[in-house]
PDB file of N, CA and C in Angstrom:
ATOM      1  N   MET A   1      29.982 -22.497 -10.724  1.00  0.00           N
ATOM      2  CA  MET A   1      31.298 -23.081 -11.484  1.00  0.00           C
ATOM      3  C   MET A   1      32.452 -23.656 -10.252  1.00  0.00           C
ATOM      4  N   THR A   2      33.310 -24.305 -10.248  1.00  0.00           N
ATOM      5  CA  THR A   2      33.939 -25.302  -9.746  1.00  0.00           C
ATOM      6  C   THR A   2      35.383 -24.581 -10.451  1.00  0.00           C
ATOM      7  N   THR A   3      35.917 -23.836  -8.801  1.00  0.00           N
ATOM      8  CA  THR A   3      37.500 -23.240  -9.309  1.00  0.00           C
ATOM      9  C   THR A   3      38.708 -23.513  -8.447  1.00  0.00           C
ATOM     10  N   LYS A   4      38.145 -24.441  -7.734  1.00  0.00           N
ATOM     11  CA  LYS A   4      39.568 -24.537  -7.266  1.00  0.00           C
ATOM     12  C   LYS A   4      39.686 -26.357  -6.782  1.00  0.00           C
ATOM     13  N   ALA A   5      40.901 -26.639  -6.654  1.00  0.00           N
ATOM     14  CA  ALA A   5      40.648 -28.083  -5.908  1.00  0.00           C
ATOM     15  C   ALA A   5      41.465 -28.589  -4.996  1.00  0.00           C
ATOM     16  N   LEU A   6      42.110 -29.711  -4.697  1.00  0.00           N
ATOM     17  CA  LEU A   6      43.254 -30.563  -4.142  1.00  0.00           C
ATOM     18  C   LEU A   6      43.558 -31.583  -4.759  1.00  0.00           C
ATOM     19  N   TYR A   7      45.011 -31.677  -5.052  1.00  0.00           N
ATOM     20  CA  TYR A   7      45.001 -32.963  -5.396  1.00  0.00           C
ATOM     21  C   TYR A   7      46.329 -33.455  -4.088  1.00  0.00           C
ATOM     22  N   VAL A   8      45.963 -34.883  -2.893  1.00  0.00           N
ATOM     23  CA  VAL A   8      46.647 -34.986  -2.461  1.00  0.00           C
ATOM     24  C   VAL A   8      46.903 -36.393  -2.308  1.00  0.00           C
ATOM     25  N   HIS A   9      48.009 -37.021  -2.671  1.00  0.00           N
ATOM     26  CA  HIS A   9      48.785 -38.174  -2.556  1.00  0.00           C
ATOM     27  C   HIS A   9      49.544 -38.857  -1.526  1.00  0.00           C
ATOM     28  N   LEU A  10      48.873 -39.582  -0.916  1.00  0.00           N
ATOM     29  CA  LEU A  10      49.309 -40.057   0.070  1.00  0.00           C
ATOM     30  C   LEU A  10      50.201 -41.800  -0.363  1.00  0.00           C
ATOM     31  N   LYS A  11      51.563 -42.081   0.252  1.00  0.00           N
ATOM     32  CA  LYS A  11      51.917 -43.338   0.279  1.00  0.00           C
ATOM     33  C   LYS A  11      52.441 -43.685   1.103  1.00  0.00           C
ATOM     34  N   ALA A  12      51.469 -45.513   1.016  1.00  0.00           N
ATOM     35  CA  ALA A  12      50.876 -46.152   2.474  1.00  0.00           C
ATOM     36  C   ALA A  12      52.778 -46.520   3.158  1.00  0.00           C
ATOM     37  N   LYS A  13      53.012 -46.821   4.512  1.00  0.00           N
ATOM     38  CA  LYS A  13      53.468 -47.508   4.800  1.00  0.00           C
ATOM     39  C   LYS A  13      53.234 -48.663   4.586  1.00  0.00           C
ATOM     40  N   PRO A  14      54.888 -49.539   4.646  1.00  0.00           N
ATOM     41  CA  PRO A  14      54.642 -51.163   4.139  1.00  0.00           C
ATOM     42  C   PRO A  14      53.743 -51.566   4.916  1.00  0.00           C
ATOM     43  N   GLY A  15      52.647 -52.484   4.625  1.00  0.00           N
ATOM     44  CA  GLY A  15      51.614 -53.013   5.729  1.00  0.00           C
ATOM     45  C   GLY A  15      50.645 -52.511   5.913  1.00  0.00           C
ATOM     46  N   LYS A  16      50.161 -51.195   5.498  1.00  0.00           N
ATOM     47  CA  LYS A  16      49.392 -49.993   6.108  1.00  0.00           C
ATOM     48  C   LYS A  16      48.645 -50.074   4.651  1.00  0.00           C
ATOM     49  N   GLU A  17      48.588 -50.675   3.497  1.00  0.00           N
ATOM     50  CA  GLU A  17      47.761 -50.261   2.566  1.00  0.00           C
ATOM     51  C   GLU A  17      46.758 -50.585   2.322  1.00  0.00           C
ATOM     52  N   ARG A  18      46.104 -51.540   3.562  1.00  0.00           N
ATOM     53  CA  ARG A  18      44.951 -51.469   3.583  1.00  0.00           C
ATOM     54  C   ARG A  18      44.129 -50.907   4.592  1.00  0.00           C
ATOM     55  N   ASP A  19      44.602 -50.632   5.364  1.00  0.00           N
ATOM     56  CA  ASP A  19      44.286 -49.582   6.705  1.00  0.00           C
ATOM     57  C   ASP A  19      44.208 -48.825   5.863  1.00  0.00           C
ATOM     58  N   LEU A  20      45.009 -48.128   5.399  1.00  0.00           N
ATOM     59  CA  LEU A  20      44.866 -47.214   4.343  1.00  0.00           C
ATOM     60  C   LEU A  20      43.802 -46.847   3.375  1.00  0.00           C
ATOM     61  N   GLU A  21      43.142 -47.950   2.506  1.00  0.00           N
ATOM     62  CA  GLU A  21      42.072 -48.014   1.698  1.00  0.00           C
ATOM     63  C   GLU A  21      41.128 -48.011   2.705  1.00  0.00           C
ATOM     64  N   GLU A  22      40.948 -48.832   3.725  1.00  0.00           N
ATOM     65  CA  GLU A  22      39.605 -48.266   4.488  1.00  0.00           C
ATOM     66  C   GLU A  22      39.300 -47.142   5.140  1.00  0.00           C
ATOM     67  N   PHE A  23      40.797 -46.796   5.735  1.00  0.00           N
ATOM     68  CA  PHE A  23      40.024 -45.289   5.709  1.00  0.00           C
ATOM     69  C   PHE A  23      39.595 -44.004   4.801  1.00  0.00           C
ATOM     70  N   LEU A  24      40.484 -44.499   3.488  1.00  0.00           N
ATOM     71  CA  LEU A  24      39.522 -43.507   2.660  1.00  0.00           C
ATOM     72  C   LEU A  24      38.009 -44.044   2.175  1.00  0.00           C
ATOM     73  N   LYS A  25      37.903 -45.393   1.818  1.00  0.00           N
ATOM     74  CA  LYS A  25      36.765 -45.500   1.776  1.00  0.00           C
ATOM     75  C   LYS A  25      35.448 -44.847   3.446  1.00  0.00           C
ATOM     76  N   ALA A  26      36.205 -45.235   4.695  1.00  0.00           N
ATOM     77  CA  ALA A  26      35.363 -44.480   5.416  1.00  0.00           C
ATOM     78  C   ALA A  26      35.257 -43.324   5.665  1.00  0.00           C
ATOM     79  N   ALA A  27      35.822 -42.250   4.938  1.00  0.00           N
ATOM     80  CA  ALA A  27      35.836 -41.025   4.895  1.00  0.00           C
ATOM     81  C   ALA A  27      35.060 -40.563   3.768  1.00  0.00           C
ATOM     82  N   ALA A  28      34.273 -40.596   2.954  1.00  0.00           N
ATOM     83  CA  ALA A  28      33.452 -40.340   2.383  1.00  0.00           C
ATOM     84  C   ALA A  28      32.002 -40.213   2.932  1.00  0.00           C
ATOM     85  N   PRO A  29      31.552 -40.698   3.893  1.00  0.00           N
ATOM     86  CA  PRO A  29      30.180 -40.656   3.921  1.00  0.00           C
ATOM     87  C   PRO A  29      30.253 -38.698   5.024  1.00  0.00           C
ATOM     88  N   ILE A  30      31.724 -38.505   5.434  1.00  0.00           N
ATOM     89  CA  ILE A  30      31.739 -37.602   6.422  1.00  0.00           C
ATOM     90  C   ILE A  30      32.225 -36.343   5.254  1.00  0.00           C
ATOM     91  N   VAL A  31      32.974 -36.546   4.166  1.00  0.00           N
ATOM     92  CA  VAL A  31      32.348 -35.677   3.028  1.00  0.00           C
ATOM     93  C   VAL A  31      31.109 -35.329   2.385  1.00  0.00           C
ATOM     94  N   GLN A  32      30.638 -36.057   3.007  1.00  0.00           N
ATOM     95  CA  GLN A  32      29.075 -35.518   2.598  1.00  0.00           C
ATOM     96  C   GLN A  32      28.111 -34.561   2.777  1.00  0.00           C
ATOM     97  N   GLY A  33      28.467 -34.158   4.104  1.00  0.00           N
ATOM     98  CA  GLY A  33      27.960 -33.413   5.192  1.00  0.00           C
ATOM     99  C   GLY A  33      28.920 -32.034   4.959  1.00  0.00           C
ATOM    100  N   GLU A  34      30.180 -31.871   3.579  1.00  0.00           N
ATOM    101  CA  GLU A  34      31.047 -30.725   3.358  1.00  0.00           C
ATOM    102  C   GLU A  34      29.818 -29.936   2.237  1.00  0.00           C
ATOM    103  N   PRO A  35      29.226 -29.175   2.573  1.00  0.00           N
ATOM    104  CA  PRO A  35      28.551 -28.282   1.503  1.00  0.00           C
ATOM    105  C   PRO A  35      29.087 -27.649   0.141  1.00  0.00           C
ATOM    106  N   ASP A  36      30.619 -27.548   0.370  1.00  0.00           N
ATOM    107  CA  ASP A  36      31.293 -26.340  -0.489  1.00  0.00           C
ATOM    108  C   ASP A  36      32.396 -28.193  -1.230  1.00  0.00           C
ATOM    109  N   THR A  37      32.174 -29.374  -0.702  1.00  0.00           N
ATOM    110  CA  THR A  37      32.889 -29.895  -1.553  1.00  0.00           C
ATOM    111  C   THR A  37      32.185 -30.872  -2.815  1.00  0.00           C
ATOM    112  N   VAL A  38      32.258 -30.141  -3.540  1.00  0.00           N
ATOM    113  CA  VAL A  38      31.415 -30.483  -4.478  1.00  0.00           C
ATOM    114  C   VAL A  38      31.935 -31.804  -5.139  1.00  0.00           C
ATOM    115  N   ALA A  39      33.335 -32.166  -5.430  1.00  0.00           N
ATOM    116  CA  ALA A  39      32.929 -33.587  -5.898  1.00  0.00           C
ATOM    117  C   ALA A  39      34.604 -34.213  -5.343  1.00  0.00           C
ATOM    118  N   TRP A  40      34.516 -35.000  -4.997  1.00  0.00           N
ATOM    119  CA  TRP A  40      35.551 -35.881  -3.846  1.00  0.00           C
ATOM    120  C   TRP A  40      35.936 -37.376  -4.820  1.00  0.00           C
ATOM    121  N   PHE A  41      37.230 -37.818  -4.001  1.00  0.00           N
ATOM    122  CA  PHE A  41      37.373 -38.961  -5.071  1.00  0.00           C
ATOM    123  C   PHE A  41      38.572 -39.658  -4.032  1.00  0.00           C
ATOM    124  N   ALA A  42      38.315 -40.440  -3.640  1.00  0.00           N
ATOM    125  CA  ALA A  42      39.677 -41.084  -3.303  1.00  0.00           C
ATOM    126  C   ALA A  42      40.383 -42.589  -4.064  1.00  0.00           C
ATOM    127  N   ILE A  43      41.505 -42.529  -4.563  1.00  0.00           N
ATOM    128  CA  ILE A  43      42.009 -43.075  -5.704  1.00  0.00           C
ATOM    129  C   ILE A  43      42.582 -43.865  -5.513  1.00  0.00           C
ATOM    130  N   LYS A  44      43.121 -45.139  -5.299  1.00  0.00           N
ATOM    131  CA  LYS A  44      43.963 -46.208  -5.035  1.00  0.00           C
ATOM    132  C   LYS A  44      45.152 -46.254  -6.797  1.00  0.00           C
ATOM    133  N   MET A  45      46.291 -46.181  -6.585  1.00  0.00           N
ATOM    134  CA  MET A  45      46.970 -45.932  -8.145  1.00  0.00           C
ATOM    135  C   MET A  45      48.033 -47.096  -8.362  1.00  0.00           C
ATOM    136  N   GLY A  46      48.146 -47.727  -6.980  1.00  0.00           N
ATOM    137  CA  GLY A  46      49.120 -48.782  -7.135  1.00  0.00           C
ATOM    138  C   GLY A  46      49.054 -49.077  -5.506  1.00  0.00           C
ATOM    139  N   ASP A  47      49.915 -50.417  -5.232  1.00  0.00           N
ATOM    140  CA  ASP A  47      50.324 -51.050  -4.443  1.00  0.00           C
ATOM    141  C   ASP A  47      49.664 -50.176  -2.783  1.00  0.00           C
ATOM    142  N   ALA A  48      50.876 -49.292  -2.731  1.00  0.00           N
ATOM    143  CA  ALA A  48      50.982 -48.142  -1.838  1.00  0.00           C
ATOM    144  C   ALA A  48      50.936 -46.564  -2.203  1.00  0.00           C
ATOM    145  N   ASP A  49      50.191 -46.584  -3.249  1.00  0.00           N
ATOM    146  CA  ASP A  49      50.300 -44.932  -3.564  1.00  0.00           C
ATOM    147  C   ASP A  49      48.252 -45.073  -3.918  1.00  0.00           C
ATOM    148  N   PHE A  50      48.496 -43.803  -2.915  1.00  0.00           N
ATOM    149  CA  PHE A  50      46.678 -43.238  -3.076  1.00  0.00           C
ATOM    150  C   PHE A  50      46.314 -41.801  -3.045  1.00  0.00           C
ATOM    151  N   ALA A  51      45.533 -41.453  -3.503  1.00  0.00           N
ATOM    152  CA  ALA A  51      45.499 -39.836  -3.801  1.00  0.00           C
ATOM    153  C   ALA A  51      44.171 -39.410  -3.310  1.00  0.00           C
ATOM    154  N   ILE A  52      43.607 -38.242  -3.412  1.00  0.00           N
ATOM    155  CA  ILE A  52      42.315 -38.225  -3.030  1.00  0.00           C
ATOM    156  C   ILE A  52      42.356 -36.290  -3.500  1.00  0.00           C
ATOM    157  N   PHE A  53      41.106 -36.584  -4.476  1.00  0.00           N
ATOM    158  CA  PHE A  53      41.133 -35.363  -5.651  1.00  0.00           C
ATOM    159  C   PHE A  53      40.049 -34.936  -5.079  1.00  0.00           C
ATOM    160  N   ASP A  54      39.420 -33.570  -4.919  1.00  0.00           N
ATOM    161  CA  ASP A  54      38.383 -32.793  -4.601  1.00  0.00           C
ATOM    162  C   ASP A  54      38.285 -31.717  -5.011  1.00  0.00           C
ATOM    163  N   ALA A  55      36.998 -30.925  -5.263  1.00  0.00           N
ATOM    164  CA  ALA A  55      36.885 -29.910  -6.068  1.00  0.00           C
ATOM    165  C   ALA A  55      35.664 -28.588  -5.076  1.00  0.00           C
ATOM    166  N   PHE A  56      36.707 -27.626  -5.286  1.00  0.00           N
ATOM    167  CA  PHE A  56      35.469 -26.688  -4.482  1.00  0.00           C
ATOM    168  C   PHE A  56      35.399 -25.341  -5.288  1.00  0.00           C
ATOM    169  N   PRO A  57      33.955 -25.049  -4.470  1.00  0.00           N
ATOM    170  CA  PRO A  57      33.545 -23.516  -6.007  1.00  0.00           C
ATOM    171  C   PRO A  57      34.859 -22.717  -5.650  1.00  0.00           C
ATOM    172  N   ASN A  58      35.306 -22.675  -4.139  1.00  0.00           N
ATOM    173  CA  ASN A  58      36.208 -21.166  -4.271  1.00  0.00           C
ATOM    174  C   ASN A  58      37.025 -21.587  -3.058  1.00  0.00           C
ATOM    175  N   ASP A  59      37.804 -20.421  -2.890  1.00  0.00           N
ATOM    176  CA  ASP A  59      38.752 -20.971  -1.446  1.00  0.00           C
ATOM    177  C   ASP A  59      38.314 -21.063  -0.157  1.00  0.00           C
ATOM    178  N   ALA A  60      37.251 -20.051   0.224  1.00  0.00           N
ATOM    179  CA  ALA A  60      36.781 -20.868   1.436  1.00  0.00           C
ATOM    180  C   ALA A  60      36.379 -22.685   1.229  1.00  0.00           C
ATOM    181  N   GLY A  61      35.896 -22.833   0.528  1.00  0.00           N
ATOM    182  CA  GLY A  61      35.372 -24.034   0.503  1.00  0.00           C
ATOM    183  C   GLY A  61      36.515 -24.916   0.491  1.00  0.00           C
ATOM    184  N   ARG A  62      37.593 -24.992  -0.154  1.00  0.00           N
ATOM    185  CA  ARG A  62      38.622 -25.755  -0.293  1.00  0.00           C
ATOM    186  C   ARG A  62      39.701 -25.353   1.267  1.00  0.00           C
ATOM    187  N   ASP A  63      39.482 -23.790   2.101  1.00  0.00           N
ATOM    188  CA  ASP A  63      40.053 -23.940   3.216  1.00  0.00           C
ATOM    189  C   ASP A  63      39.031 -24.293   4.514  1.00  0.00           C
ATOM    190  N   ALA A  64      37.863 -25.003   3.702  1.00  0.00           N
ATOM    191  CA  ALA A  64      36.822 -24.970   4.959  1.00  0.00           C
ATOM    192  C   ALA A  64      37.392 -26.470   4.696  1.00  0.00           C
ATOM    193  N   HIS A  65      37.164 -27.105   3.714  1.00  0.00           N
ATOM    194  CA  HIS A  65      37.628 -28.873   3.865  1.00  0.00           C
ATOM    195  C   HIS A  65      38.985 -29.361   4.487  1.00  0.00           C
ATOM    196  N   LEU A  66      39.805 -28.453   4.245  1.00  0.00           N
ATOM    197  CA  LEU A  66      41.682 -28.670   4.963  1.00  0.00           C
ATOM    198  C   LEU A  66      41.271 -28.384   6.166  1.00  0.00           C
ATOM    199  N   GLN A  67      40.465 -27.778   7.429  1.00  0.00           N
ATOM    200  CA  GLN A  67      40.559 -27.575   8.238  1.00  0.00           C
ATOM    201  C   GLN A  67      39.253 -28.287   9.213  1.00  0.00           C
ATOM    202  N   GLY A  68      38.651 -29.182   7.583  1.00  0.00           N
ATOM    203  CA  GLY A  68      37.646 -30.429   8.444  1.00  0.00           C
ATOM    204  C   GLY A  68      37.798 -31.939   9.454  1.00  0.00           C
ATOM    205  N   ASP A  69      37.123 -32.642   9.507  1.00  0.00           N
ATOM    206  CA  ASP A  69      37.169 -33.390   9.980  1.00  0.00           C
ATOM    207  C   ASP A  69      38.036 -34.779   9.071  1.00  0.00           C
ATOM    208  N   VAL A  70      37.568 -34.997   8.213  1.00  0.00           N
ATOM    209  CA  VAL A  70      38.672 -35.757   7.890  1.00  0.00           C
ATOM    210  C   VAL A  70      40.282 -35.593   7.310  1.00  0.00           C
ATOM    211  N   ALA A  71      40.634 -34.063   7.128  1.00  0.00           N
ATOM    212  CA  ALA A  71      41.910 -33.784   7.409  1.00  0.00           C
ATOM    213  C   ALA A  71      42.583 -33.904   8.725  1.00  0.00           C
ATOM    214  N   ALA A  72      41.751 -33.508   9.844  1.00  0.00           N
ATOM    215  CA  ALA A  72      42.139 -34.122  10.674  1.00  0.00           C
ATOM    216  C   ALA A  72      42.284 -35.243  11.189  1.00  0.00           C
ATOM    217  N   ALA A  73      41.576 -35.978  10.651  1.00  0.00           N
ATOM    218  CA  ALA A  73      41.276 -37.484  11.252  1.00  0.00           C
ATOM    219  C   ALA A  73      42.814 -37.907  10.493  1.00  0.00           C
ATOM    220  N   LEU A  74      43.483 -37.551   9.128  1.00  0.00           N
ATOM    221  CA  LEU A  74      44.171 -37.983   8.119  1.00  0.00           C
ATOM    222  C   LEU A  74      45.467 -37.652   8.602  1.00  0.00           C
ATOM    223  N   MET A  75      45.806 -36.155   9.643  1.00  0.00           N
ATOM    224  CA  MET A  75      46.390 -36.146  10.306  1.00  0.00           C
ATOM    225  C   MET A  75      46.917 -36.667  11.135  1.00  0.00           C
ATOM    226  N   GLN A  76      46.005 -37.462  12.253  1.00  0.00           N
ATOM    227  CA  GLN A  76      45.889 -37.610  13.331  1.00  0.00           C
ATOM    228  C   GLN A  76      46.743 -39.203  13.004  1.00  0.00           C
ATOM    229  N   LYS A  77      46.162 -39.577  11.879  1.00  0.00           N
ATOM    230  CA  LYS A  77      46.531 -40.842  11.753  1.00  0.00           C
ATOM    231  C   LYS A  77      47.739 -41.046  10.920  1.00  0.00           C
ATOM    232  N   ALA A  78      48.259 -40.273  10.900  1.00  0.00           N
ATOM    233  CA  ALA A  78      49.380 -39.962   9.334  1.00  0.00           C
ATOM    234  C   ALA A  78      50.655 -41.122   9.592  1.00  0.00           C
ATOM    235  N   ASP A  79      51.467 -40.565  11.521  1.00  0.00           N
ATOM    236  CA  ASP A  79      52.419 -41.149  11.112  1.00  0.00           C
ATOM    237  C   ASP A  79      51.912 -42.743  11.393  1.00  0.00           C
ATOM    238  N   GLU A  80      50.592 -43.656  11.622  1.00  0.00           N
ATOM    239  CA  GLU A  80      50.465 -44.765  11.805  1.00  0.00           C
ATOM    240  C   GLU A  80      50.261 -45.119  10.300  1.00  0.00           C
ATOM    241  N   LEU A  81      49.845 -44.938   9.278  1.00  0.00           N
ATOM    242  CA  LEU A  81      49.369 -45.560   8.272  1.00  0.00           C
ATOM    243  C   LEU A  81      50.554 -44.864   6.945  1.00  0.00           C
ATOM    244  N   LEU A  82      51.109 -43.651   6.994  1.00  0.00           N
ATOM    245  CA  LEU A  82      51.726 -42.912   5.922  1.00  0.00           C
ATOM    246  C   LEU A  82      53.264 -43.441   6.048  1.00  0.00           C
ATOM    247  N   ALA A  83      53.804 -43.442   5.092  1.00  0.00           N
ATOM    248  CA  ALA A  83      55.516 -43.545   4.827  1.00  0.00           C
ATOM    249  C   ALA A  83      56.071 -42.273   4.905  1.00  0.00           C
ATOM    250  N   GLU A  84      54.846 -41.037   4.338  1.00  0.00           N
ATOM    251  CA  GLU A  84      55.775 -40.122   4.031  1.00  0.00           C
ATOM    252  C   GLU A  84      54.622 -39.016   4.234  1.00  0.00           C
ATOM    253  N   ALA A  85      54.821 -37.687   4.709  1.00  0.00           N
ATOM    254  CA  ALA A  85      53.897 -36.912   4.568  1.00  0.00           C
ATOM    255  C   ALA A  85      53.171 -36.399   3.367  1.00  0.00           C
ATOM    256  N   PRO A  86      51.339 -36.638   3.674  1.00  0.00           N
ATOM    257  CA  PRO A  86      51.060 -36.070   2.407  1.00  0.00           C
ATOM    258  C   PRO A  86      51.229 -34.933   1.027  1.00  0.00           C
ATOM    259  N   ALA A  87      51.121 -35.361   0.449  1.00  0.00           N
ATOM    260  CA  ALA A  87      51.777 -34.040  -0.507  1.00  0.00           C
ATOM    261  C   ALA A  87      50.287 -33.266  -1.155  1.00  0.00           C
ATOM    262  N   ILE A  88      50.215 -32.122  -0.665  1.00  0.00           N
ATOM    263  CA  ILE A  88      48.911 -31.936  -0.766  1.00  0.00           C
ATOM    264  C   ILE A  88      49.037 -30.664  -2.105  1.00  0.00           C
ATOM    265  N   HIS A  89      48.399 -30.446  -2.979  1.00  0.00           N
ATOM    266  CA  HIS A  89      48.450 -29.556  -3.861  1.00  0.00           C
ATOM    267  C   HIS A  89      47.353 -28.810  -3.873  1.00  0.00           C
ATOM    268  N   ARG A  90      47.314 -27.352  -3.986  1.00  0.00           N
ATOM    269  CA  ARG A  90      46.574 -26.922  -4.127  1.00  0.00           C
ATOM    270  C   ARG A  90      45.639 -26.441  -5.734  1.00  0.00           C
ATOM    271  N   ILE A  91      45.462 -26.565  -6.365  1.00  0.00           N
ATOM    272  CA  ILE A  91      44.804 -26.426  -7.534  1.00  0.00           C
ATOM    273  C   ILE A  91      43.786 -25.440  -8.432  1.00  0.00           C
ATOM    274  N   ASP A  92      44.272 -24.893  -9.359  1.00  0.00           N
ATOM    275  CA  ASP A  92      42.959 -24.486  -9.697  1.00  0.00           C
ATOM    276  C   ASP A  92      42.565 -25.024 -10.695  1.00  0.00           C
ATOM    277  N   VAL A  93      40.478 -24.730 -10.747  1.00  0.00           N
ATOM    278  CA  VAL A  93      40.018 -25.599 -11.920  1.00  0.00           C
ATOM    279  C   VAL A  93      40.227 -24.421 -12.963  1.00  0.00           C
ATOM    280  N   LEU A  94      40.040 -24.982 -14.057  1.00  0.00           N
ATOM    281  CA  LEU A  94      40.275 -24.127 -15.471  1.00  0.00           C
ATOM    282  C   LEU A  94      38.809 -24.403 -16.001  1.00  0.00           C
ATOM    283  N   ALA A  95      38.208 -25.588 -16.100  1.00  0.00           N
ATOM    284  CA  ALA A  95      37.040 -26.260 -16.835  1.00  0.00           C
ATOM    285  C   ALA A  95      36.234 -27.241 -15.906  1.00  0.00           C
ATOM    286  N   ASP A  96      35.027 -27.736 -15.441  1.00  0.00           N
ATOM    287  CA  ASP A  96      34.329 -28.866 -15.297  1.00  0.00           C
ATOM    288  C   ASP A  96      33.415 -29.229 -15.992  1.00  0.00           C
ATOM    289  N   LYS A  97      33.282 -30.353 -15.591  1.00  0.00           N
ATOM    290  CA  LYS A  97      31.768 -31.136 -16.074  1.00  0.00           C
ATOM    291  C   LYS A  97      31.062 -31.582 -15.104  1.00  0.00           C
ATOM    292  N   LEU A  98      30.696 -31.249 -13.804  1.00  0.00           N
ATOM    293  CA  LEU A  98      29.810 -31.981 -12.885  1.00  0.00           C
ATOM    294  C   LEU A  98      28.312 -31.683 -12.901  1.00  0.00           C
ATOM    295  N   PRO A  99      27.109 -33.100 -12.485  1.00  0.00           N
ATOM    296  CA  PRO A  99      25.867 -32.480 -12.083  1.00  0.00           C
ATOM    297  C   PRO A  99      25.558 -31.839 -12.075  1.00  0.00           C
ATOM    298  N   GLY A 100      24.162 -31.160 -12.015  1.00  0.00           N
ATOM    299  CA  GLY A 100      23.761 -30.493 -11.065  1.00  0.00           C
ATOM    300  C   GLY A 100      24.095 -28.749 -11.574  1.00  0.00           C
TER     301      GLY A 100
END
């Protein structure tokens, strides 16, 4: 059962919207290598508004993701790509429907 999740809101700097979109698309193969990331979505909600939603079986999986390669790369590029710091929300999952 999935019990934990993250919702991370990202606001692109003006003129960096396409770069942020490409960064998020490029992150997908990296996340594939995280065994405890059971669901991962990069979302575009508007011209400059993006988000990441991902789900985990437990706190350890969520913590591992937050300390992983995608999070490190995002923080490294934050000043270049983001208009403001990522808004990271730690979420408890009440129910899910995932394959497997």
